[in-house]
Amino acid sequence: MSTFIKPPHASIWLSAEAISLSTKLRVNLQIQQGSQLAKMLGVNPIFYNDEAVRIWVQRELNEGLALNRYTLTNLETKFLAIMNHYEIPYSL
């Protein structure tokens, strides 16, 4: 029996790039499930952490974040800066 889980499909709100980048970001920074991140990321607080990160990444892309080999690093840096702003200890 295969337990392969298909990744979410791109949608009208989220691009395939945003989904892929947000998944990598969550893995690299070990972002846990929960619901605390949405407000800090400027996302509607009804979203869980994984959803909030996806929306935040899409917003960053929409606002002109370049898609290149540094994109994930730039997102990690921005995310950590937000965590530092709220005085939440977070490091790589």
PDB file of N, CA and C in Angstrom:
ATOM      1  N   MET A   1       0.836  -1.171   0.000  1.00  0.00           N
ATOM      2  CA  MET A   1       0.000   0.000   0.000  1.00  0.00           C
ATOM      3  C   MET A   1       0.886   1.241   0.000  1.00  0.00           C
ATOM      4  N   SER A   2       0.633   2.136  -0.896  1.00  0.00           N
ATOM      5  CA  SER A   2       1.424   3.353  -1.021  1.00  0.00           C
ATOM      6  C   SER A   2       0.866   4.439  -0.104  1.00  0.00           C
ATOM      7  N   THR A   3       1.769   5.115   0.593  1.00  0.00           N
ATOM      8  CA  THR A   3       1.343   6.206   1.469  1.00  0.00           C
ATOM      9  C   THR A   3       1.786   7.550   0.918  1.00  0.00           C
ATOM     10  N   PHE A   4       2.011   7.600  -0.382  1.00  0.00           N
ATOM     11  CA  PHE A   4       2.421   8.843  -1.023  1.00  0.00           C
ATOM     12  C   PHE A   4       1.308   9.873  -0.905  1.00  0.00           C
ATOM     13  N   ILE A   5       1.666  11.047  -0.421  1.00  0.00           N
ATOM     14  CA  ILE A   5       0.689  12.124  -0.289  1.00  0.00           C
ATOM     15  C   ILE A   5       0.981  13.159  -1.366  1.00  0.00           C
ATOM     16  N   LYS A   6      -0.020  13.443  -2.157  1.00  0.00           N
ATOM     17  CA  LYS A   6       0.155  14.424  -3.221  1.00  0.00           C
ATOM     18  C   LYS A   6       0.218  15.826  -2.641  1.00  0.00           C
ATOM     19  N   PRO A   7       1.127  16.644  -3.164  1.00  0.00           N
ATOM     20  CA  PRO A   7       1.177  18.033  -2.691  1.00  0.00           C
ATOM     21  C   PRO A   7      -0.052  18.791  -3.162  1.00  0.00           C
ATOM     22  N   PRO A   8      -0.397  19.869  -2.480  1.00  0.00           N
ATOM     23  CA  PRO A   8      -1.555  20.652  -2.914  1.00  0.00           C
ATOM     24  C   PRO A   8      -1.349  21.198  -4.321  1.00  0.00           C
ATOM     25  N   HIS A   9      -2.423  21.323  -5.041  1.00  0.00           N
ATOM     26  CA  HIS A   9      -2.374  21.880  -6.385  1.00  0.00           C
ATOM     27  C   HIS A   9      -2.396  23.401  -6.320  1.00  0.00           C
ATOM     28  N   ALA A  10      -1.811  24.015  -7.317  1.00  0.00           N
ATOM     29  CA  ALA A  10      -1.903  25.470  -7.422  1.00  0.00           C
ATOM     30  C   ALA A  10      -3.378  25.828  -7.547  1.00  0.00           C
ATOM     31  N   SER A  11      -3.717  26.991  -7.072  1.00  0.00           N
ATOM     32  CA  SER A  11      -5.109  27.408  -7.097  1.00  0.00           C
ATOM     33  C   SER A  11      -5.206  28.832  -7.600  1.00  0.00           C
ATOM     34  N   ILE A  12      -6.388  29.355  -7.526  1.00  0.00           N
ATOM     35  CA  ILE A  12      -6.598  30.730  -7.950  1.00  0.00           C
ATOM     36  C   ILE A  12      -5.880  31.698  -7.005  1.00  0.00           C
ATOM     37  N   TRP A  13      -5.646  31.279  -5.757  1.00  0.00           N
ATOM     38  CA  TRP A  13      -5.005  32.140  -4.758  1.00  0.00           C
ATOM     39  C   TRP A  13      -3.520  31.862  -4.598  1.00  0.00           C
ATOM     40  N   LEU A  14      -3.125  30.614  -4.772  1.00  0.00           N
ATOM     41  CA  LEU A  14      -1.736  30.228  -4.513  1.00  0.00           C
ATOM     42  C   LEU A  14      -1.098  29.631  -5.753  1.00  0.00           C
ATOM     43  N   SER A  15       0.054  30.149  -6.104  1.00  0.00           N
ATOM     44  CA  SER A  15       0.783  29.609  -7.253  1.00  0.00           C
ATOM     45  C   SER A  15       1.531  28.342  -6.841  1.00  0.00           C
ATOM     46  N   ALA A  16       1.930  27.574  -7.827  1.00  0.00           N
ATOM     47  CA  ALA A  16       2.722  26.368  -7.566  1.00  0.00           C
ATOM     48  C   ALA A  16       4.038  26.751  -6.891  1.00  0.00           C
ATOM     49  N   GLU A  17       4.613  27.886  -7.272  1.00  0.00           N
ATOM     50  CA  GLU A  17       5.858  28.356  -6.675  1.00  0.00           C
ATOM     51  C   GLU A  17       5.668  28.662  -5.195  1.00  0.00           C
ATOM     52  N   ALA A  18       4.573  29.336  -4.863  1.00  0.00           N
ATOM     53  CA  ALA A  18       4.309  29.682  -3.457  1.00  0.00           C
ATOM     54  C   ALA A  18       4.122  28.423  -2.618  1.00  0.00           C
ATOM     55  N   ILE A  19       3.435  27.458  -3.152  1.00  0.00           N
ATOM     56  CA  ILE A  19       3.215  26.200  -2.424  1.00  0.00           C
ATOM     57  C   ILE A  19       4.536  25.481  -2.206  1.00  0.00           C
ATOM     58  N   SER A  20       5.331  25.390  -3.253  1.00  0.00           N
ATOM     59  CA  SER A  20       6.622  24.709  -3.148  1.00  0.00           C
ATOM     60  C   SER A  20       7.556  25.424  -2.176  1.00  0.00           C
ATOM     61  N   LEU A  21       7.680  26.733  -2.318  1.00  0.00           N
ATOM     62  CA  LEU A  21       8.563  27.510  -1.448  1.00  0.00           C
ATOM     63  C   LEU A  21       8.103  27.461   0.006  1.00  0.00           C
ATOM     64  N   SER A  22       6.803  27.556   0.228  1.00  0.00           N
ATOM     65  CA  SER A  22       6.307  27.543   1.608  1.00  0.00           C
ATOM     66  C   SER A  22       6.537  26.182   2.254  1.00  0.00           C
ATOM     67  N   THR A  23       6.431  25.117   1.494  1.00  0.00           N
ATOM     68  CA  THR A  23       6.708  23.783   2.029  1.00  0.00           C
ATOM     69  C   THR A  23       8.178  23.664   2.417  1.00  0.00           C
ATOM     70  N   LYS A  24       9.056  24.130   1.558  1.00  0.00           N
ATOM     71  CA  LYS A  24      10.492  24.104   1.863  1.00  0.00           C
ATOM     72  C   LYS A  24      10.804  24.971   3.072  1.00  0.00           C
ATOM     73  N   LEU A  25      10.189  26.124   3.152  1.00  0.00           N
ATOM     74  CA  LEU A  25      10.391  27.033   4.276  1.00  0.00           C
ATOM     75  C   LEU A  25       9.960  26.373   5.582  1.00  0.00           C
ATOM     76  N   ARG A  26       8.796  25.743   5.574  1.00  0.00           N
ATOM     77  CA  ARG A  26       8.286  25.077   6.778  1.00  0.00           C
ATOM     78  C   ARG A  26       9.207  23.944   7.208  1.00  0.00           C
ATOM     79  N   VAL A  27       9.755  23.206   6.256  1.00  0.00           N
ATOM     80  CA  VAL A  27      10.662  22.108   6.584  1.00  0.00           C
ATOM     81  C   VAL A  27      11.991  22.660   7.105  1.00  0.00           C
ATOM     82  N   ASN A  28      12.575  23.608   6.386  1.00  0.00           N
ATOM     83  CA  ASN A  28      13.879  24.157   6.766  1.00  0.00           C
ATOM     84  C   ASN A  28      13.864  24.806   8.143  1.00  0.00           C
ATOM     85  N   LEU A  29      12.777  25.529   8.447  1.00  0.00           N
ATOM     86  CA  LEU A  29      12.686  26.235   9.723  1.00  0.00           C
ATOM     87  C   LEU A  29      11.923  25.434  10.774  1.00  0.00           C
ATOM     88  N   GLN A  30      11.507  24.239  10.424  1.00  0.00           N
ATOM     89  CA  GLN A  30      10.767  23.347  11.327  1.00  0.00           C
ATOM     90  C   GLN A  30       9.566  24.059  11.949  1.00  0.00           C
ATOM     91  N   ILE A  31       8.781  24.694  11.106  1.00  0.00           N
ATOM     92  CA  ILE A  31       7.592  25.410  11.564  1.00  0.00           C
ATOM     93  C   ILE A  31       6.538  24.384  11.951  1.00  0.00           C
ATOM     94  N   GLN A  32       6.082  24.493  13.179  1.00  0.00           N
ATOM     95  CA  GLN A  32       5.136  23.525  13.734  1.00  0.00           C
ATOM     96  C   GLN A  32       3.695  23.892  13.386  1.00  0.00           C
ATOM     97  N   GLN A  33       2.820  22.899  13.538  1.00  0.00           N
ATOM     98  CA  GLN A  33       1.390  23.154  13.394  1.00  0.00           C
ATOM     99  C   GLN A  33       0.938  24.067  14.523  1.00  0.00           C
ATOM    100  N   GLY A  34      -0.124  24.735  14.292  1.00  0.00           N
ATOM    101  CA  GLY A  34      -0.667  25.648  15.290  1.00  0.00           C
ATOM    102  C   GLY A  34      -1.376  26.782  14.587  1.00  0.00           C
ATOM    103  N   SER A  35      -1.645  27.823  15.343  1.00  0.00           N
ATOM    104  CA  SER A  35      -2.366  28.947  14.748  1.00  0.00           C
ATOM    105  C   SER A  35      -1.830  30.291  15.195  1.00  0.00           C
ATOM    106  N   GLN A  36      -0.611  30.314  15.707  1.00  0.00           N
ATOM    107  CA  GLN A  36      -0.066  31.559  16.230  1.00  0.00           C
ATOM    108  C   GLN A  36       0.592  32.443  15.172  1.00  0.00           C
ATOM    109  N   LEU A  37       1.039  31.882  14.059  1.00  0.00           N
ATOM    110  CA  LEU A  37       1.824  32.641  13.090  1.00  0.00           C
ATOM    111  C   LEU A  37       1.014  33.605  12.228  1.00  0.00           C
ATOM    112  N   ALA A  38      -0.235  33.310  11.993  1.00  0.00           N
ATOM    113  CA  ALA A  38      -1.025  34.099  11.048  1.00  0.00           C
ATOM    114  C   ALA A  38      -0.991  35.590  11.372  1.00  0.00           C
ATOM    115  N   LYS A  39      -1.274  35.933  12.595  1.00  0.00           N
ATOM    116  CA  LYS A  39      -1.319  37.349  12.970  1.00  0.00           C
ATOM    117  C   LYS A  39       0.055  37.995  12.802  1.00  0.00           C
ATOM    118  N   MET A  40       1.118  37.277  13.196  1.00  0.00           N
ATOM    119  CA  MET A  40       2.470  37.827  13.072  1.00  0.00           C
ATOM    120  C   MET A  40       2.868  38.040  11.614  1.00  0.00           C
ATOM    121  N   LEU A  41       2.368  37.191  10.721  1.00  0.00           N
ATOM    122  CA  LEU A  41       2.695  37.294   9.304  1.00  0.00           C
ATOM    123  C   LEU A  41       1.765  38.257   8.564  1.00  0.00           C
ATOM    124  N   GLY A  42       0.830  38.842   9.284  1.00  0.00           N
ATOM    125  CA  GLY A  42      -0.099  39.779   8.663  1.00  0.00           C
ATOM    126  C   GLY A  42      -1.176  39.092   7.854  1.00  0.00           C
ATOM    127  N   VAL A  43      -1.502  37.869   8.268  1.00  0.00           N
ATOM    128  CA  VAL A  43      -2.505  37.055   7.582  1.00  0.00           C
ATOM    129  C   VAL A  43      -3.714  36.927   8.508  1.00  0.00           C
ATOM    130  N   ASN A  44      -4.880  36.775   7.945  1.00  0.00           N
ATOM    131  CA  ASN A  44      -6.090  36.602   8.737  1.00  0.00           C
ATOM    132  C   ASN A  44      -5.879  35.488   9.761  1.00  0.00           C
ATOM    133  N   PRO A  45      -6.167  35.733  11.041  1.00  0.00           N
ATOM    134  CA  PRO A  45      -5.889  34.749  12.092  1.00  0.00           C
ATOM    135  C   PRO A  45      -6.747  33.494  12.044  1.00  0.00           C
ATOM    136  N   ILE A  46      -7.634  33.373  11.087  1.00  0.00           N
ATOM    137  CA  ILE A  46      -8.409  32.132  10.981  1.00  0.00           C
ATOM    138  C   ILE A  46      -7.565  30.990  10.398  1.00  0.00           C
ATOM    139  N   PHE A  47      -6.385  31.323   9.846  1.00  0.00           N
ATOM    140  CA  PHE A  47      -5.564  30.315   9.189  1.00  0.00           C
ATOM    141  C   PHE A  47      -4.586  29.663  10.160  1.00  0.00           C
ATOM    142  N   TYR A  48      -4.380  28.370   9.950  1.00  0.00           N
ATOM    143  CA  TYR A  48      -3.369  27.626  10.695  1.00  0.00           C
ATOM    144  C   TYR A  48      -1.989  28.010  10.157  1.00  0.00           C
ATOM    145  N   ASN A  49      -0.949  27.650  10.893  1.00  0.00           N
ATOM    146  CA  ASN A  49       0.411  28.037  10.525  1.00  0.00           C
ATOM    147  C   ASN A  49       0.785  27.663   9.098  1.00  0.00           C
ATOM    148  N   ASP A  50       0.491  26.434   8.685  1.00  0.00           N
ATOM    149  CA  ASP A  50       0.874  26.016   7.332  1.00  0.00           C
ATOM    150  C   ASP A  50       0.172  26.850   6.271  1.00  0.00           C
ATOM    151  N   GLU A  51      -1.097  27.136   6.490  1.00  0.00           N
ATOM    152  CA  GLU A  51      -1.849  27.962   5.542  1.00  0.00           C
ATOM    153  C   GLU A  51      -1.337  29.404   5.557  1.00  0.00           C
ATOM    154  N   ALA A  52      -1.065  29.917   6.753  1.00  0.00           N
ATOM    155  CA  ALA A  52      -0.591  31.289   6.883  1.00  0.00           C
ATOM    156  C   ALA A  52       0.748  31.475   6.184  1.00  0.00           C
ATOM    157  N   VAL A  53       1.631  30.497   6.306  1.00  0.00           N
ATOM    158  CA  VAL A  53       2.936  30.587   5.645  1.00  0.00           C
ATOM    159  C   VAL A  53       2.748  30.578   4.129  1.00  0.00           C
ATOM    160  N   ARG A  54       1.869  29.741   3.622  1.00  0.00           N
ATOM    161  CA  ARG A  54       1.612  29.715   2.172  1.00  0.00           C
ATOM    162  C   ARG A  54       1.099  31.057   1.677  1.00  0.00           C
ATOM    163  N   ILE A  55       0.155  31.628   2.410  1.00  0.00           N
ATOM    164  CA  ILE A  55      -0.413  32.919   2.008  1.00  0.00           C
ATOM    165  C   ILE A  55       0.643  34.008   2.083  1.00  0.00           C
ATOM    166  N   TRP A  56       1.450  33.994   3.138  1.00  0.00           N
ATOM    167  CA  TRP A  56       2.514  34.989   3.300  1.00  0.00           C
ATOM    168  C   TRP A  56       3.524  34.892   2.161  1.00  0.00           C
ATOM    169  N   VAL A  57       3.926  33.670   1.807  1.00  0.00           N
ATOM    170  CA  VAL A  57       4.875  33.481   0.703  1.00  0.00           C
ATOM    171  C   VAL A  57       4.271  33.994  -0.599  1.00  0.00           C
ATOM    172  N   GLN A  58       3.002  33.689  -0.851  1.00  0.00           N
ATOM    173  CA  GLN A  58       2.347  34.180  -2.069  1.00  0.00           C
ATOM    174  C   GLN A  58       2.326  35.698  -2.082  1.00  0.00           C
ATOM    175  N   ARG A  59       2.051  36.305  -0.945  1.00  0.00           N
ATOM    176  CA  ARG A  59       2.036  37.764  -0.860  1.00  0.00           C
ATOM    177  C   ARG A  59       3.425  38.336  -1.165  1.00  0.00           C
ATOM    178  N   GLU A  60       4.459  37.709  -0.620  1.00  0.00           N
ATOM    179  CA  GLU A  60       5.827  38.161  -0.897  1.00  0.00           C
ATOM    180  C   GLU A  60       6.131  38.081  -2.395  1.00  0.00           C
ATOM    181  N   LEU A  61       5.713  37.002  -3.036  1.00  0.00           N
ATOM    182  CA  LEU A  61       5.922  36.861  -4.482  1.00  0.00           C
ATOM    183  C   LEU A  61       5.133  37.920  -5.236  1.00  0.00           C
ATOM    184  N   ASN A  62       3.895  38.155  -4.824  1.00  0.00           N
ATOM    185  CA  ASN A  62       3.058  39.160  -5.486  1.00  0.00           C
ATOM    186  C   ASN A  62       3.648  40.555  -5.356  1.00  0.00           C
ATOM    187  N   GLU A  63       4.355  40.807  -4.248  1.00  0.00           N
ATOM    188  CA  GLU A  63       4.939  42.121  -4.006  1.00  0.00           C
ATOM    189  C   GLU A  63       6.309  42.283  -4.653  1.00  0.00           C
ATOM    190  N   GLY A  64       6.730  41.284  -5.429  1.00  0.00           N
ATOM    191  CA  GLY A  64       7.936  41.453  -6.223  1.00  0.00           C
ATOM    192  C   GLY A  64       9.155  40.665  -5.794  1.00  0.00           C
ATOM    193  N   LEU A  65       9.019  39.767  -4.832  1.00  0.00           N
ATOM    194  CA  LEU A  65      10.160  38.943  -4.460  1.00  0.00           C
ATOM    195  C   LEU A  65      10.608  38.147  -5.676  1.00  0.00           C
ATOM    196  N   ALA A  66      11.866  38.290  -6.027  1.00  0.00           N
ATOM    197  CA  ALA A  66      12.395  37.640  -7.231  1.00  0.00           C
ATOM    198  C   ALA A  66      12.466  36.125  -7.046  1.00  0.00           C
ATOM    199  N   LEU A  67      12.106  35.408  -8.093  1.00  0.00           N
ATOM    200  CA  LEU A  67      12.247  33.954  -8.107  1.00  0.00           C
ATOM    201  C   LEU A  67      13.604  33.617  -8.697  1.00  0.00           C
ATOM    202  N   ASN A  68      14.532  33.268  -7.823  1.00  0.00           N
ATOM    203  CA  ASN A  68      15.861  32.863  -8.262  1.00  0.00           C
ATOM    204  C   ASN A  68      16.442  31.916  -7.218  1.00  0.00           C
ATOM    205  N   ARG A  69      17.713  31.649  -7.298  1.00  0.00           N
ATOM    206  CA  ARG A  69      18.287  30.667  -6.377  1.00  0.00           C
ATOM    207  C   ARG A  69      18.383  31.184  -4.945  1.00  0.00           C
ATOM    208  N   TYR A  70      18.143  32.466  -4.738  1.00  0.00           N
ATOM    209  CA  TYR A  70      18.188  33.055  -3.402  1.00  0.00           C
ATOM    210  C   TYR A  70      16.806  33.251  -2.781  1.00  0.00           C
ATOM    211  N   THR A  71      15.765  32.924  -3.475  1.00  0.00           N
ATOM    212  CA  THR A  71      14.410  33.186  -3.008  1.00  0.00           C
ATOM    213  C   THR A  71      14.136  32.545  -1.662  1.00  0.00           C
ATOM    214  N   LEU A  72      14.457  31.274  -1.516  1.00  0.00           N
ATOM    215  CA  LEU A  72      14.184  30.590  -0.259  1.00  0.00           C
ATOM    216  C   LEU A  72      14.990  31.214   0.884  1.00  0.00           C
ATOM    217  N   THR A  73      16.236  31.538   0.633  1.00  0.00           N
ATOM    218  CA  THR A  73      17.066  32.183   1.651  1.00  0.00           C
ATOM    219  C   THR A  73      16.482  33.534   2.046  1.00  0.00           C
ATOM    220  N   ASN A  74      16.011  34.290   1.067  1.00  0.00           N
ATOM    221  CA  ASN A  74      15.394  35.587   1.351  1.00  0.00           C
ATOM    222  C   ASN A  74      14.137  35.427   2.196  1.00  0.00           C
ATOM    223  N   LEU A  75      13.328  34.419   1.889  1.00  0.00           N
ATOM    224  CA  LEU A  75      12.122  34.167   2.673  1.00  0.00           C
ATOM    225  C   LEU A  75      12.476  33.768   4.101  1.00  0.00           C
ATOM    226  N   GLU A  76      13.483  32.919   4.246  1.00  0.00           N
ATOM    227  CA  GLU A  76      13.911  32.521   5.587  1.00  0.00           C
ATOM    228  C   GLU A  76      14.365  33.735   6.393  1.00  0.00           C
ATOM    229  N   THR A  77      15.135  34.614   5.767  1.00  0.00           N
ATOM    230  CA  THR A  77      15.626  35.819   6.432  1.00  0.00           C
ATOM    231  C   THR A  77      14.469  36.716   6.856  1.00  0.00           C
ATOM    232  N   LYS A  78      13.499  36.913   5.960  1.00  0.00           N
ATOM    233  CA  LYS A  78      12.341  37.744   6.282  1.00  0.00           C
ATOM    234  C   LYS A  78      11.513  37.124   7.404  1.00  0.00           C
ATOM    235  N   PHE A  79      11.319  35.811   7.347  1.00  0.00           N
ATOM    236  CA  PHE A  79      10.542  35.127   8.374  1.00  0.00           C
ATOM    237  C   PHE A  79      11.220  35.283   9.738  1.00  0.00           C
ATOM    238  N   LEU A  80      12.535  35.055   9.785  1.00  0.00           N
ATOM    239  CA  LEU A  80      13.271  35.173  11.043  1.00  0.00           C
ATOM    240  C   LEU A  80      13.256  36.606  11.570  1.00  0.00           C
ATOM    241  N   ALA A  81      13.281  37.583  10.676  1.00  0.00           N
ATOM    242  CA  ALA A  81      13.191  38.987  11.094  1.00  0.00           C
ATOM    243  C   ALA A  81      11.837  39.262  11.752  1.00  0.00           C
ATOM    244  N   ILE A  82      10.781  38.681  11.212  1.00  0.00           N
ATOM    245  CA  ILE A  82       9.452  38.845  11.803  1.00  0.00           C
ATOM    246  C   ILE A  82       9.420  38.206  13.191  1.00  0.00           C
ATOM    247  N   MET A  83       9.987  37.023  13.314  1.00  0.00           N
ATOM    248  CA  MET A  83      10.021  36.347  14.615  1.00  0.00           C
ATOM    249  C   MET A  83      10.826  37.173  15.621  1.00  0.00           C
ATOM    250  N   ASN A  84      11.943  37.740  15.180  1.00  0.00           N
ATOM    251  CA  ASN A  84      12.756  38.585  16.068  1.00  0.00           C
ATOM    252  C   ASN A  84      11.998  39.836  16.489  1.00  0.00           C
ATOM    253  N   HIS A  85      11.226  40.401  15.576  1.00  0.00           N
ATOM    254  CA  HIS A  85      10.419  41.587  15.891  1.00  0.00           C
ATOM    255  C   HIS A  85       9.467  41.296  17.037  1.00  0.00           C
ATOM    256  N   TYR A  86       8.891  40.104  17.040  1.00  0.00           N
ATOM    257  CA  TYR A  86       7.956  39.707  18.105  1.00  0.00           C
ATOM    258  C   TYR A  86       8.692  39.053  19.285  1.00  0.00           C
ATOM    259  N   GLU A  87      10.024  39.144  19.266  1.00  0.00           N
ATOM    260  CA  GLU A  87      10.868  38.609  20.330  1.00  0.00           C
ATOM    261  C   GLU A  87      10.611  37.121  20.572  1.00  0.00           C
ATOM    262  N   ILE A  88      10.428  36.401  19.479  1.00  0.00           N
ATOM    263  CA  ILE A  88      10.271  34.947  19.544  1.00  0.00           C
ATOM    264  C   ILE A  88      11.614  34.345  19.166  1.00  0.00           C
ATOM    265  N   PRO A  89      12.216  33.583  20.084  1.00  0.00           N
ATOM    266  CA  PRO A  89      13.516  32.998  19.763  1.00  0.00           C
ATOM    267  C   PRO A  89      13.400  31.967  18.644  1.00  0.00           C
ATOM    268  N   TYR A  90      14.055  32.235  17.572  1.00  0.00           N
ATOM    269  CA  TYR A  90      13.990  31.351  16.403  1.00  0.00           C
ATOM    270  C   TYR A  90      15.314  31.444  15.689  1.00  0.00           C
ATOM    271  N   SER A  91      15.882  30.322  15.358  1.00  0.00           N
ATOM    272  CA  SER A  91      17.152  30.344  14.620  1.00  0.00           C
ATOM    273  C   SER A  91      17.227  29.137  13.719  1.00  0.00           C
ATOM    274  N   LEU A  92      18.167  29.193  12.783  1.00  0.00           N
ATOM    275  CA  LEU A  92      18.374  28.070  11.867  1.00  0.00           C
ATOM    276  C   LEU A  92      19.215  27.000  12.529  1.00  0.00           C
TER     277      LEU A  92
END
